[in-house]
Amino acid sequence: WEGSTPLNLKAVKHCMIRRNALTKLVLKPFFEGYAKGMFTRVNVATDRATGRQVYRCCRIEGVVTSKRAYKLDNGTFTKKRIVVSMGTNKKEFNINYTSNNGITESEMREWIKVMTREGLEIPVCE
């Protein structure tokens, strides 16, 4: 890939989807194909020491349907969950766990660090 540059935060922001957009699109028939491959910011835990939410930069690997419906921010209900990855780890999340804020530089660096440590290919910008 001569002439390409490593993935960076500026590029990721062009292929990132926030909770508001996921909520608006989840019931559309093209949702899974649209969301797959995009980056999102996911609330993965609460820091016990500080009480602050811990977020990770993750890539959407797919969409699954759960048995139980849950309520979205806009009041509609869905059974759709996103499957996200960080390195080789994959996990399902309700859309409510994604953020409306953008991915931070430190979250992006952590994602790249995990991908590198696990020997996975980091996408490039053309």
N, C-alpha and C. Protein backbone atom coordinates (compact mmCIF):
# COMPACT_ATOMS: atom_id res chain seq x y z
N TRP A 1 0.82 -1.18 0.00
CA TRP A 1 0.00 0.00 0.00
C TRP A 1 0.87 1.25 0.00
N GLU A 2 1.59 1.41 -1.04
CA GLU A 2 2.47 2.56 -1.17
C GLU A 2 1.65 3.85 -1.17
N GLY A 3 2.12 4.82 -0.40
CA GLY A 3 1.43 6.10 -0.36
C GLY A 3 0.30 6.17 0.65
N SER A 4 0.05 5.08 1.39
CA SER A 4 -1.00 5.12 2.39
C SER A 4 -0.40 5.43 3.75
N THR A 5 -1.23 5.95 4.65
CA THR A 5 -0.78 6.30 5.99
C THR A 5 -1.51 5.47 7.03
N PRO A 6 -0.88 5.25 8.19
CA PRO A 6 -1.56 4.48 9.24
C PRO A 6 -2.86 5.15 9.68
N LEU A 7 -3.76 4.35 10.15
CA LEU A 7 -5.04 4.85 10.63
C LEU A 7 -4.80 5.84 11.76
N ASN A 8 -5.53 6.94 11.74
CA ASN A 8 -5.40 7.93 12.80
C ASN A 8 -6.79 8.42 13.21
N LEU A 9 -6.83 9.23 14.27
CA LEU A 9 -8.10 9.69 14.81
C LEU A 9 -8.91 10.48 13.79
N LYS A 10 -8.26 11.32 13.01
CA LYS A 10 -8.98 12.12 12.01
C LYS A 10 -9.70 11.20 11.01
N ALA A 11 -9.03 10.15 10.56
CA ALA A 11 -9.64 9.21 9.62
C ALA A 11 -10.77 8.43 10.29
N VAL A 12 -10.56 8.02 11.53
CA VAL A 12 -11.58 7.23 12.24
C VAL A 12 -12.85 8.04 12.42
N LYS A 13 -12.73 9.33 12.63
CA LYS A 13 -13.93 10.16 12.83
C LYS A 13 -14.81 10.17 11.58
N HIS A 14 -14.25 9.85 10.42
CA HIS A 14 -15.05 9.78 9.18
C HIS A 14 -15.78 8.45 9.05
N CYS A 15 -15.37 7.46 9.82
CA CYS A 15 -16.05 6.15 9.76
C CYS A 15 -16.49 5.73 11.17
N MET A 16 -16.93 6.73 11.93
CA MET A 16 -17.41 6.50 13.29
C MET A 16 -18.91 6.77 13.34
N ILE A 17 -19.60 5.99 14.17
CA ILE A 17 -21.04 6.21 14.34
C ILE A 17 -21.35 6.37 15.82
N ARG A 18 -22.16 7.36 16.11
CA ARG A 18 -22.53 7.68 17.49
C ARG A 18 -23.89 7.09 17.84
N ARG A 19 -24.22 7.09 19.12
CA ARG A 19 -25.47 6.49 19.60
C ARG A 19 -26.69 7.09 18.92
N ASN A 20 -26.74 8.41 18.75
CA ASN A 20 -27.92 9.02 18.10
C ASN A 20 -28.15 8.46 16.71
N ALA A 21 -27.09 8.28 15.93
CA ALA A 21 -27.22 7.74 14.58
C ALA A 21 -27.63 6.27 14.62
N LEU A 22 -27.03 5.50 15.53
CA LEU A 22 -27.40 4.09 15.66
C LEU A 22 -28.88 3.97 16.01
N THR A 23 -29.34 4.82 16.91
CA THR A 23 -30.74 4.80 17.34
C THR A 23 -31.69 5.13 16.18
N LYS A 24 -31.31 6.09 15.35
CA LYS A 24 -32.15 6.47 14.22
C LYS A 24 -32.20 5.39 13.14
N LEU A 25 -31.10 4.65 12.99
CA LEU A 25 -30.98 3.70 11.87
C LEU A 25 -31.29 2.25 12.22
N VAL A 26 -31.39 1.92 13.50
CA VAL A 26 -31.47 0.51 13.92
C VAL A 26 -32.64 -0.24 13.30
N LEU A 27 -33.74 0.41 13.03
CA LEU A 27 -34.90 -0.28 12.48
C LEU A 27 -34.92 -0.31 10.95
N LYS A 28 -33.95 0.32 10.33
CA LYS A 28 -33.87 0.34 8.86
C LYS A 28 -33.36 -1.01 8.36
N PRO A 29 -33.82 -1.45 7.19
CA PRO A 29 -33.40 -2.76 6.67
C PRO A 29 -31.91 -2.83 6.32
N PHE A 30 -31.28 -1.71 6.07
CA PHE A 30 -29.86 -1.68 5.69
C PHE A 30 -28.93 -1.52 6.90
N PHE A 31 -29.49 -1.49 8.12
CA PHE A 31 -28.72 -1.15 9.31
C PHE A 31 -27.46 -2.01 9.48
N GLU A 32 -27.61 -3.31 9.41
CA GLU A 32 -26.45 -4.17 9.67
C GLU A 32 -25.32 -3.91 8.67
N GLY A 33 -25.64 -3.84 7.40
CA GLY A 33 -24.62 -3.59 6.39
C GLY A 33 -23.99 -2.22 6.53
N TYR A 34 -24.77 -1.25 6.97
CA TYR A 34 -24.27 0.11 7.14
C TYR A 34 -23.32 0.21 8.34
N ALA A 35 -23.71 -0.39 9.46
CA ALA A 35 -22.95 -0.25 10.70
C ALA A 35 -21.68 -1.10 10.72
N LYS A 36 -21.70 -2.23 10.04
CA LYS A 36 -20.56 -3.15 10.09
C LYS A 36 -19.29 -2.47 9.55
N GLY A 37 -18.22 -2.55 10.34
CA GLY A 37 -16.95 -1.97 9.96
C GLY A 37 -16.72 -0.57 10.50
N MET A 38 -17.78 0.06 10.99
CA MET A 38 -17.63 1.41 11.55
C MET A 38 -17.05 1.33 12.96
N PHE A 39 -16.49 2.44 13.39
CA PHE A 39 -15.98 2.56 14.75
C PHE A 39 -17.03 3.23 15.62
N THR A 40 -17.02 2.88 16.91
CA THR A 40 -17.91 3.51 17.86
C THR A 40 -17.23 3.54 19.22
N ARG A 41 -17.73 4.37 20.08
CA ARG A 41 -17.20 4.52 21.44
C ARG A 41 -18.17 3.83 22.38
N VAL A 42 -17.67 2.81 23.12
CA VAL A 42 -18.54 1.97 23.94
C VAL A 42 -18.18 2.11 25.42
N ASN A 43 -19.22 2.25 26.25
CA ASN A 43 -19.06 2.28 27.71
C ASN A 43 -18.89 0.83 28.17
N VAL A 44 -17.68 0.47 28.61
CA VAL A 44 -17.39 -0.92 28.96
C VAL A 44 -17.41 -1.19 30.46
N ALA A 45 -17.32 -0.13 31.29
CA ALA A 45 -17.26 -0.33 32.73
C ALA A 45 -17.34 1.00 33.46
N THR A 46 -17.38 0.91 34.77
CA THR A 46 -17.25 2.08 35.64
C THR A 46 -15.98 1.88 36.47
N ASP A 47 -15.14 2.89 36.49
CA ASP A 47 -13.91 2.84 37.28
C ASP A 47 -14.30 2.90 38.76
N ARG A 48 -13.97 1.84 39.51
CA ARG A 48 -14.37 1.78 40.92
C ARG A 48 -13.73 2.87 41.77
N ALA A 49 -12.51 3.26 41.42
CA ALA A 49 -11.80 4.27 42.20
C ALA A 49 -12.39 5.68 42.00
N THR A 50 -12.75 5.99 40.76
CA THR A 50 -13.20 7.35 40.46
C THR A 50 -14.71 7.46 40.25
N GLY A 51 -15.37 6.34 39.95
CA GLY A 51 -16.79 6.36 39.65
C GLY A 51 -17.10 6.84 38.25
N ARG A 52 -16.06 7.08 37.45
CA ARG A 52 -16.24 7.57 36.08
C ARG A 52 -16.44 6.40 35.12
N GLN A 53 -17.16 6.69 34.04
CA GLN A 53 -17.39 5.68 33.00
C GLN A 53 -16.10 5.44 32.22
N VAL A 54 -15.86 4.18 31.86
CA VAL A 54 -14.68 3.81 31.07
C VAL A 54 -15.17 3.48 29.66
N TYR A 55 -14.59 4.15 28.67
CA TYR A 55 -14.98 3.95 27.27
C TYR A 55 -13.83 3.35 26.49
N ARG A 56 -14.17 2.62 25.43
CA ARG A 56 -13.17 2.05 24.52
C ARG A 56 -13.58 2.33 23.09
N CYS A 57 -12.58 2.54 22.27
CA CYS A 57 -12.77 2.62 20.82
C CYS A 57 -12.94 1.19 20.34
N CYS A 58 -14.04 0.89 19.67
CA CYS A 58 -14.31 -0.46 19.17
C CYS A 58 -14.77 -0.39 17.73
N ARG A 59 -14.63 -1.50 17.05
CA ARG A 59 -15.11 -1.61 15.67
C ARG A 59 -16.33 -2.51 15.65
N ILE A 60 -17.37 -2.10 14.94
CA ILE A 60 -18.59 -2.89 14.85
C ILE A 60 -18.36 -4.04 13.88
N GLU A 61 -18.53 -5.25 14.39
CA GLU A 61 -18.32 -6.47 13.59
C GLU A 61 -19.63 -7.01 13.02
N GLY A 62 -20.73 -6.63 13.61
CA GLY A 62 -22.01 -7.12 13.12
C GLY A 62 -23.14 -6.72 14.05
N VAL A 63 -24.33 -7.22 13.72
CA VAL A 63 -25.54 -6.94 14.49
C VAL A 63 -26.23 -8.26 14.75
N VAL A 64 -26.70 -8.45 15.98
CA VAL A 64 -27.43 -9.67 16.34
C VAL A 64 -28.78 -9.28 16.93
N THR A 65 -29.67 -10.23 16.98
CA THR A 65 -30.98 -10.02 17.58
C THR A 65 -31.05 -10.80 18.88
N SER A 66 -31.36 -10.10 19.96
CA SER A 66 -31.46 -10.74 21.27
C SER A 66 -32.89 -11.21 21.51
N LYS A 67 -33.08 -11.93 22.59
CA LYS A 67 -34.42 -12.42 22.92
C LYS A 67 -35.29 -11.33 23.53
N ARG A 68 -34.66 -10.39 24.21
CA ARG A 68 -35.40 -9.37 24.95
C ARG A 68 -35.23 -8.00 24.31
N ALA A 69 -36.33 -7.29 24.17
CA ALA A 69 -36.30 -5.93 23.63
C ALA A 69 -35.89 -4.97 24.74
N TYR A 70 -35.28 -3.88 24.35
CA TYR A 70 -34.93 -2.81 25.29
C TYR A 70 -35.27 -1.47 24.65
N LYS A 71 -35.40 -0.45 25.51
CA LYS A 71 -35.84 0.87 25.07
C LYS A 71 -34.63 1.73 24.71
N LEU A 72 -34.72 2.37 23.55
CA LEU A 72 -33.68 3.29 23.09
C LEU A 72 -33.98 4.70 23.59
N ASP A 73 -33.01 5.59 23.42
CA ASP A 73 -33.16 6.99 23.84
C ASP A 73 -34.38 7.67 23.24
N ASN A 74 -34.73 7.29 22.01
CA ASN A 74 -35.86 7.95 21.33
C ASN A 74 -37.21 7.33 21.66
N GLY A 75 -37.22 6.38 22.60
CA GLY A 75 -38.48 5.78 23.06
C GLY A 75 -38.91 4.52 22.33
N THR A 76 -38.26 4.20 21.22
CA THR A 76 -38.60 2.97 20.51
C THR A 76 -37.92 1.77 21.17
N PHE A 77 -38.43 0.61 20.88
CA PHE A 77 -37.86 -0.62 21.41
C PHE A 77 -37.20 -1.40 20.29
N THR A 78 -36.13 -2.10 20.63
CA THR A 78 -35.44 -2.95 19.66
C THR A 78 -34.86 -4.16 20.36
N LYS A 79 -34.64 -5.19 19.58
CA LYS A 79 -33.92 -6.38 20.05
C LYS A 79 -32.52 -6.42 19.45
N LYS A 80 -32.19 -5.44 18.64
CA LYS A 80 -30.89 -5.42 17.95
C LYS A 80 -29.78 -5.01 18.92
N ARG A 81 -28.67 -5.75 18.83
CA ARG A 81 -27.47 -5.44 19.60
C ARG A 81 -26.30 -5.40 18.63
N ILE A 82 -25.30 -4.60 18.93
CA ILE A 82 -24.12 -4.57 18.08
C ILE A 82 -23.04 -5.48 18.67
N VAL A 83 -22.32 -6.13 17.79
CA VAL A 83 -21.17 -6.93 18.18
C VAL A 83 -19.95 -6.08 17.85
N VAL A 84 -19.16 -5.77 18.87
CA VAL A 84 -17.99 -4.92 18.67
C VAL A 84 -16.72 -5.69 19.01
N SER A 85 -15.62 -5.24 18.44
CA SER A 85 -14.33 -5.87 18.73
C SER A 85 -13.31 -4.82 19.12
N MET A 86 -12.40 -5.29 19.96
CA MET A 86 -11.18 -4.55 20.27
C MET A 86 -10.11 -5.62 20.29
N GLY A 87 -9.30 -5.63 19.26
CA GLY A 87 -8.36 -6.73 19.10
C GLY A 87 -9.13 -8.00 18.77
N THR A 88 -8.78 -9.10 19.41
CA THR A 88 -9.47 -10.37 19.16
C THR A 88 -10.70 -10.54 20.04
N ASN A 89 -10.89 -9.64 21.01
CA ASN A 89 -12.06 -9.73 21.89
C ASN A 89 -13.29 -9.17 21.20
N LYS A 90 -14.38 -9.94 21.28
CA LYS A 90 -15.66 -9.50 20.71
C LYS A 90 -16.71 -9.61 21.80
N LYS A 91 -17.63 -8.65 21.79
CA LYS A 91 -18.70 -8.65 22.78
C LYS A 91 -19.92 -7.96 22.22
N GLU A 92 -21.10 -8.41 22.65
CA GLU A 92 -22.37 -7.80 22.26
C GLU A 92 -22.73 -6.70 23.25
N PHE A 93 -23.26 -5.60 22.72
CA PHE A 93 -23.73 -4.50 23.56
C PHE A 93 -25.06 -3.99 23.04
N ASN A 94 -25.92 -3.55 23.96
CA ASN A 94 -27.09 -2.79 23.56
C ASN A 94 -26.59 -1.45 23.03
N ILE A 95 -27.32 -0.87 22.12
CA ILE A 95 -26.93 0.40 21.52
C ILE A 95 -26.80 1.50 22.59
N ASN A 96 -27.56 1.38 23.68
CA ASN A 96 -27.51 2.37 24.75
C ASN A 96 -26.12 2.49 25.38
N TYR A 97 -25.26 1.52 25.19
CA TYR A 97 -23.92 1.56 25.76
C TYR A 97 -22.93 2.32 24.89
N THR A 98 -23.36 2.73 23.71
CA THR A 98 -22.48 3.53 22.86
C THR A 98 -22.60 5.00 23.28
N SER A 99 -21.63 5.78 22.87
CA SER A 99 -21.56 7.18 23.28
C SER A 99 -21.97 8.12 22.15
N ASN A 100 -22.46 9.28 22.54
CA ASN A 100 -22.71 10.35 21.57
C ASN A 100 -21.49 11.23 21.39
N ASN A 101 -20.49 11.04 22.22
CA ASN A 101 -19.24 11.79 22.10
C ASN A 101 -18.29 11.07 21.17
N GLY A 102 -17.35 11.81 20.62
CA GLY A 102 -16.38 11.23 19.71
C GLY A 102 -15.31 10.42 20.43
N ILE A 103 -14.68 9.55 19.69
CA ILE A 103 -13.55 8.77 20.20
C ILE A 103 -12.41 9.74 20.51
N THR A 104 -11.75 9.52 21.63
CA THR A 104 -10.65 10.40 22.01
C THR A 104 -9.32 9.87 21.46
N GLU A 105 -8.33 10.74 21.47
CA GLU A 105 -6.99 10.35 21.02
C GLU A 105 -6.45 9.19 21.86
N SER A 106 -6.64 9.23 23.16
CA SER A 106 -6.12 8.15 24.02
C SER A 106 -6.86 6.84 23.77
N GLU A 107 -8.15 6.90 23.49
CA GLU A 107 -8.91 5.68 23.18
C GLU A 107 -8.44 5.09 21.86
N MET A 108 -8.14 5.95 20.89
CA MET A 108 -7.63 5.49 19.60
C MET A 108 -6.25 4.85 19.76
N ARG A 109 -5.38 5.48 20.54
CA ARG A 109 -4.04 4.92 20.79
C ARG A 109 -4.15 3.56 21.46
N GLU A 110 -5.07 3.41 22.39
CA GLU A 110 -5.26 2.12 23.08
C GLU A 110 -5.72 1.05 22.10
N TRP A 111 -6.62 1.40 21.19
CA TRP A 111 -7.10 0.44 20.19
C TRP A 111 -5.93 -0.02 19.32
N ILE A 112 -5.12 0.92 18.86
CA ILE A 112 -3.96 0.59 18.02
C ILE A 112 -2.97 -0.27 18.80
N LYS A 113 -2.76 0.04 20.08
CA LYS A 113 -1.85 -0.74 20.92
C LYS A 113 -2.32 -2.19 21.06
N VAL A 114 -3.61 -2.37 21.28
CA VAL A 114 -4.17 -3.73 21.40
C VAL A 114 -4.03 -4.48 20.08
N MET A 115 -4.36 -3.82 18.98
CA MET A 115 -4.25 -4.47 17.67
C MET A 115 -2.81 -4.89 17.39
N THR A 116 -1.86 -4.03 17.72
CA THR A 116 -0.44 -4.32 17.50
C THR A 116 0.02 -5.46 18.39
N ARG A 117 -0.33 -5.40 19.66
CA ARG A 117 0.06 -6.44 20.62
C ARG A 117 -0.46 -7.82 20.21
N GLU A 118 -1.65 -7.85 19.62
CA GLU A 118 -2.27 -9.12 19.24
C GLU A 118 -1.91 -9.52 17.80
N GLY A 119 -1.04 -8.74 17.17
CA GLY A 119 -0.58 -9.09 15.83
C GLY A 119 -1.62 -8.95 14.74
N LEU A 120 -2.58 -8.07 14.94
CA LEU A 120 -3.65 -7.87 13.96
C LEU A 120 -3.33 -6.69 13.06
N GLU A 121 -3.85 -6.74 11.87
CA GLU A 121 -3.58 -5.70 10.88
C GLU A 121 -4.38 -4.45 11.21
N ILE A 122 -3.69 -3.33 11.18
CA ILE A 122 -4.34 -2.03 11.40
C ILE A 122 -4.67 -1.45 10.04
N PRO A 123 -5.93 -1.08 9.82
CA PRO A 123 -6.28 -0.50 8.51
C PRO A 123 -5.46 0.74 8.19
N VAL A 124 -5.36 1.07 6.93
CA VAL A 124 -4.62 2.26 6.50
C VAL A 124 -5.57 3.22 5.80
N CYS A 125 -5.17 4.48 5.75
CA CYS A 125 -5.93 5.52 5.05
C CYS A 125 -5.30 5.72 3.67
N GLU A 126 -6.13 5.79 2.68
CA GLU A 126 -5.61 6.00 1.33
C GLU A 126 -5.88 7.41 0.86
